[in-house]
Amino acid sequence: MNTQMQIFEIEPGYSYIVERTQIFDGVYLEVFRQPGYEDDAVLYIGDNEILFKWDDEARSIFSELDTAEVVELLAILAKSPKLLA
C-alpha cells in the first residue's frame, strides 16, 4: 500500500491533514484530520465514495487490512452516514 500525506492551510492557524492510501488499483482510502474535530474517512471504490467516521475500530480494521475479515470491514462501512455514487 502506498500512502501520501498533504497538509492544507485554509488560513493562518487553521489547517487539516489528508492522508491518502492506495489499497490497490481503483481503491483508495482518504483520512481527514482537523484539530478539534472528529476524524472522517472516505473509501473510494471505482467511482463510488463511502464516507465514514475514522474511529479506533476503523483504524484497527484498516491497519490490519491484509488479515481483516470481510464482515468486519462491512460492519464499519454499514455505519457510514451516506453513500455517494
C-alpha atoms as a PDB file:
ATOM      1  CA  MET A   1       0.000   0.000   0.000  1.00  0.00           C
ATOM      2  CA  ASN A   2       1.215   3.457  -0.891  1.00  0.00           C
ATOM      3  CA  THR A   3       0.378   6.388   1.449  1.00  0.00           C
ATOM      4  CA  GLN A   4       0.712  10.114   0.824  1.00  0.00           C
ATOM      5  CA  MET A   5       0.043  12.931   3.270  1.00  0.00           C
ATOM      6  CA  GLN A   6      -0.918  16.517   2.452  1.00  0.00           C
ATOM      7  CA  ILE A   7      -1.436  19.460   4.777  1.00  0.00           C
ATOM      8  CA  PHE A   8      -3.899  22.130   3.644  1.00  0.00           C
ATOM      9  CA  GLU A   9      -3.754  25.517   5.332  1.00  0.00           C
ATOM     10  CA  ILE A  10      -7.096  27.285   4.906  1.00  0.00           C
ATOM     11  CA  GLU A  11      -5.999  30.387   6.788  1.00  0.00           C
ATOM     12  CA  PRO A  12      -3.281  31.107   9.345  1.00  0.00           C
ATOM     13  CA  GLY A  13      -3.768  28.779  12.290  1.00  0.00           C
ATOM     14  CA  TYR A  14      -6.434  26.647  10.559  1.00  0.00           C
ATOM     15  CA  SER A  15      -5.355  23.601   8.615  1.00  0.00           C
ATOM     16  CA  TYR A  16      -6.263  19.990   8.052  1.00  0.00           C
ATOM     17  CA  ILE A  17      -4.398  16.868   7.024  1.00  0.00           C
ATOM     18  CA  VAL A  18      -5.416  14.436   4.303  1.00  0.00           C
ATOM     19  CA  GLU A  19      -3.767  11.029   4.312  1.00  0.00           C
ATOM     20  CA  ARG A  20      -4.409   9.079   1.097  1.00  0.00           C
ATOM     21  CA  THR A  21      -3.630   5.370   0.843  1.00  0.00           C
ATOM     22  CA  GLN A  22      -3.911   3.340  -2.326  1.00  0.00           C
ATOM     23  CA  ILE A  23      -5.126  -0.081  -1.244  1.00  0.00           C
ATOM     24  CA  PHE A  24      -4.951  -1.414  -4.800  1.00  0.00           C
ATOM     25  CA  ASP A  25      -5.791  -0.090  -8.278  1.00  0.00           C
ATOM     26  CA  GLY A  26      -9.087   1.767  -8.154  1.00  0.00           C
ATOM     27  CA  VAL A  27      -9.450   1.557  -4.351  1.00  0.00           C
ATOM     28  CA  TYR A  28      -8.237   4.419  -2.143  1.00  0.00           C
ATOM     29  CA  LEU A  29      -8.717   5.416   1.481  1.00  0.00           C
ATOM     30  CA  GLU A  30      -8.558   9.094   2.462  1.00  0.00           C
ATOM     31  CA  VAL A  31      -8.494  10.134   6.111  1.00  0.00           C
ATOM     32  CA  PHE A  32      -9.233  13.759   7.049  1.00  0.00           C
ATOM     33  CA  ARG A  33      -7.829  15.121  10.309  1.00  0.00           C
ATOM     34  CA  GLN A  34      -8.660  18.542  11.720  1.00  0.00           C
ATOM     35  CA  PRO A  35      -7.671  19.653  15.213  1.00  0.00           C
ATOM     36  CA  GLY A  36     -10.778  19.949  17.363  1.00  0.00           C
ATOM     37  CA  TYR A  37     -12.936  17.726  15.129  1.00  0.00           C
ATOM     38  CA  GLU A  38     -13.531  14.001  14.810  1.00  0.00           C
ATOM     39  CA  ASP A  39     -11.600  12.322  12.019  1.00  0.00           C
ATOM     40  CA  ASP A  40     -13.514  11.274   8.908  1.00  0.00           C
ATOM     41  CA  ALA A  41     -12.594   8.949   6.082  1.00  0.00           C
ATOM     42  CA  VAL A  42     -13.697   8.235   2.538  1.00  0.00           C
ATOM     43  CA  LEU A  43     -13.235   4.887   0.850  1.00  0.00           C
ATOM     44  CA  TYR A  44     -13.147   5.264  -2.937  1.00  0.00           C
ATOM     45  CA  ILE A  45     -14.066   2.137  -4.867  1.00  0.00           C
ATOM     46  CA  GLY A  46     -14.007   2.994  -8.547  1.00  0.00           C
ATOM     47  CA  ASP A  47     -16.430   5.906  -8.959  1.00  0.00           C
ATOM     48  CA  ASN A  48     -18.159   5.250  -5.620  1.00  0.00           C
ATOM     49  CA  GLU A  49     -17.415   7.066  -2.367  1.00  0.00           C
ATOM     50  CA  ILE A  50     -18.239   5.796   1.100  1.00  0.00           C
ATOM     51  CA  LEU A  51     -17.907   8.368   3.883  1.00  0.00           C
ATOM     52  CA  PHE A  52     -17.461   7.033   7.421  1.00  0.00           C
ATOM     53  CA  LYS A  53     -16.146   8.014  10.833  1.00  0.00           C
ATOM     54  CA  TRP A  54     -12.444   7.277  11.305  1.00  0.00           C
ATOM     55  CA  ASP A  55     -12.523   5.923  14.837  1.00  0.00           C
ATOM     56  CA  ASP A  56     -10.404   3.378  16.704  1.00  0.00           C
ATOM     57  CA  GLU A  57     -12.400   0.470  15.281  1.00  0.00           C
ATOM     58  CA  ALA A  58     -11.999   1.620  11.669  1.00  0.00           C
ATOM     59  CA  ARG A  59      -8.319   2.425  12.235  1.00  0.00           C
ATOM     60  CA  SER A  60      -7.748  -1.062  13.616  1.00  0.00           C
ATOM     61  CA  ILE A  61      -9.510  -2.817  10.722  1.00  0.00           C
ATOM     62  CA  PHE A  62      -7.685  -0.839   8.031  1.00  0.00           C
ATOM     63  CA  SER A  63      -4.297  -1.203   9.750  1.00  0.00           C
ATOM     64  CA  GLU A  64      -4.692  -4.968   9.508  1.00  0.00           C
ATOM     65  CA  LEU A  65      -6.475  -4.999   6.153  1.00  0.00           C
ATOM     66  CA  ASP A  66      -4.475  -7.962   4.887  1.00  0.00           C
ATOM     67  CA  THR A  67      -5.906 -10.152   7.654  1.00  0.00           C
ATOM     68  CA  ALA A  68      -9.249  -8.425   8.324  1.00  0.00           C
ATOM     69  CA  GLU A  69     -12.459 -10.350   7.927  1.00  0.00           C
ATOM     70  CA  VAL A  70     -14.780  -9.060   5.224  1.00  0.00           C
ATOM     71  CA  VAL A  71     -17.611  -8.968   7.760  1.00  0.00           C
ATOM     72  CA  GLU A  72     -15.609  -6.586   9.986  1.00  0.00           C
ATOM     73  CA  LEU A  73     -14.993  -4.214   7.094  1.00  0.00           C
ATOM     74  CA  LEU A  74     -18.651  -4.317   6.045  1.00  0.00           C
ATOM     75  CA  ALA A  75     -19.740  -3.581   9.623  1.00  0.00           C
ATOM     76  CA  ILE A  76     -17.609  -0.421   9.635  1.00  0.00           C
ATOM     77  CA  LEU A  77     -18.957   0.698   6.268  1.00  0.00           C
ATOM     78  CA  ALA A  78     -22.560  -0.094   7.258  1.00  0.00           C
ATOM     79  CA  LYS A  79     -22.282   2.644   9.899  1.00  0.00           C
ATOM     80  CA  SER A  80     -21.378   5.195   7.222  1.00  0.00           C
ATOM     81  CA  PRO A  81     -23.617   8.269   7.240  1.00  0.00           C
ATOM     82  CA  LYS A  82     -24.106   8.339   3.465  1.00  0.00           C
ATOM     83  CA  LEU A  83     -23.115   6.662   0.243  1.00  0.00           C
ATOM     84  CA  LEU A  84     -22.314   8.815  -2.759  1.00  0.00           C
ATOM     85  CA  ALA A  85     -22.296   7.155  -6.162  1.00  0.00           C
END
